[in-house]
Protein backbone atom coordinates (compact mmCIF):
# COMPACT_ATOMS: atom_id res chain seq x y z
CA MET A 1 0.00 0.00 0.00
CA SER A 2 2.83 2.40 0.70
CA LYS A 3 3.88 2.39 -2.98
CA ALA A 4 0.45 2.02 -4.59
CA LYS A 5 -0.93 4.59 -6.99
CA PRO A 6 -3.36 7.15 -5.52
CA ARG A 7 -6.29 5.77 -7.51
CA THR A 8 -5.60 2.25 -6.21
CA LEU A 9 -5.32 3.46 -2.61
CA LYS A 10 -8.57 5.38 -2.92
CA SER A 11 -10.45 2.30 -4.12
CA ILE A 12 -8.91 0.12 -1.39
CA ILE A 13 -9.88 2.56 1.36
CA LYS A 14 -13.34 3.09 -0.11
CA ALA A 15 -14.01 -0.66 0.08
CA ALA A 16 -12.20 -1.11 3.42
CA ASP A 17 -14.00 -2.60 6.37
CA LYS A 18 -13.82 -1.28 9.93
CA ASP A 19 -10.91 -3.56 10.86
CA LEU A 20 -8.64 -2.25 8.10
CA VAL A 21 -9.45 1.37 8.92
CA ASP A 22 -8.81 0.69 12.62
CA THR A 23 -5.47 -0.93 11.77
CA LEU A 24 -4.36 2.08 9.72
CA CYS A 25 -5.49 4.40 12.53
CA GLU A 26 -3.52 2.30 15.02
CA CYS A 27 -0.42 2.74 12.84
CA GLY A 28 -0.92 6.50 13.02
CA LEU A 29 -1.38 6.38 16.78
CA ASN A 30 1.82 4.38 17.21
CA ALA A 31 3.70 6.91 15.10
CA LEU A 32 2.31 9.77 17.22
CA LYS A 33 3.21 8.05 20.49
CA GLY A 34 6.76 7.36 19.33
CA ASN A 35 6.40 3.57 19.28
CA VAL A 36 7.69 3.54 15.70
CA PRO A 37 11.26 4.81 15.31
CA LEU A 38 11.28 7.58 12.72
CA SER A 39 14.24 9.25 11.05
CA PRO A 40 14.32 13.07 11.03
CA THR A 41 13.22 13.02 7.38
CA GLN A 42 10.25 10.77 8.15
CA LYS A 43 9.28 12.97 11.11
CA LYS A 44 9.38 16.01 8.87
CA LYS A 45 7.16 14.32 6.27
CA LEU A 46 4.62 13.18 8.88
CA GLY A 47 4.78 16.50 10.75
CA LYS A 48 2.74 18.11 7.99
CA TYR A 49 -0.07 15.66 8.73
CA LYS A 50 -0.10 15.68 12.54
CA SER A 51 -3.63 17.11 12.76
CA VAL A 52 -4.89 14.38 10.41
CA LEU A 53 -3.06 11.71 12.43
CA ARG A 54 -4.60 13.02 15.64
CA ALA A 55 -8.08 12.98 14.12
CA LEU A 56 -7.53 9.39 12.96
CA ALA A 57 -6.30 8.36 16.40
CA LYS A 58 -9.37 9.76 18.20
CA LYS A 59 -11.87 7.11 19.19
CA GLY A 60 -14.78 9.50 18.67
CA THR A 61 -14.07 10.15 14.99
CA PRO A 62 -16.74 8.41 12.84
CA LEU A 63 -15.67 5.66 10.44
CA GLN A 64 -16.74 7.60 7.33
CA LYS A 65 -14.70 10.62 8.45
CA LYS A 66 -11.66 8.38 9.04
CA LYS A 67 -12.03 6.90 5.55
CA ALA A 68 -12.23 10.39 4.07
CA LEU A 69 -9.11 11.47 5.98
CA LEU A 70 -7.21 8.40 4.80
CA GLN A 71 -8.14 9.05 1.17
CA LYS A 72 -6.83 12.58 0.91
CA GLY A 73 -3.47 14.13 1.53
CA GLY A 74 -1.11 11.43 0.34
CA PHE A 75 0.37 10.83 3.77
CA LEU A 76 -0.45 7.13 3.85
CA GLY A 77 2.80 6.19 2.08
CA ALA A 78 4.80 8.33 4.50
CA LEU A 79 3.10 6.58 7.41
CA LEU A 80 3.20 2.99 6.18
CA GLY A 81 6.85 3.00 5.09
CA PRO A 82 8.33 3.21 8.62
CA VAL A 83 5.60 1.02 10.14
CA LEU A 84 6.16 -1.76 7.62
CA GLY A 85 9.91 -1.50 8.17
CA VAL A 86 9.48 -2.11 11.90
CA LEU A 87 7.02 -4.93 11.26
CA GLY A 88 9.40 -6.63 8.83
CA HIS A 89 12.25 -6.32 11.31
CA LEU A 90 10.15 -7.91 14.06
CA LEU A 91 8.95 -10.76 11.86
CA PHE A 92 12.37 -11.75 10.55
CA GLN A 93 14.48 -11.50 13.68
């Protein structure tokens, strides 16, 4: 997903169920809390989207609003790159 074309990402998120949206929101929350190690460049890229990440991390944000936030902005690739790197490292230790 981190290297998918915008049109492909939009269709994936549009058809996404609650579990996938919650997983993506959890990735954002972990990045905000510092549970995912980020390089200064990655922090700078994600810093532009901190208000979007906070809105995604809120439990009170409706599912449709979360889907809309995930579809716009183009930050999903910037978020998933570091998260997938950590996940790959943990799986193949």
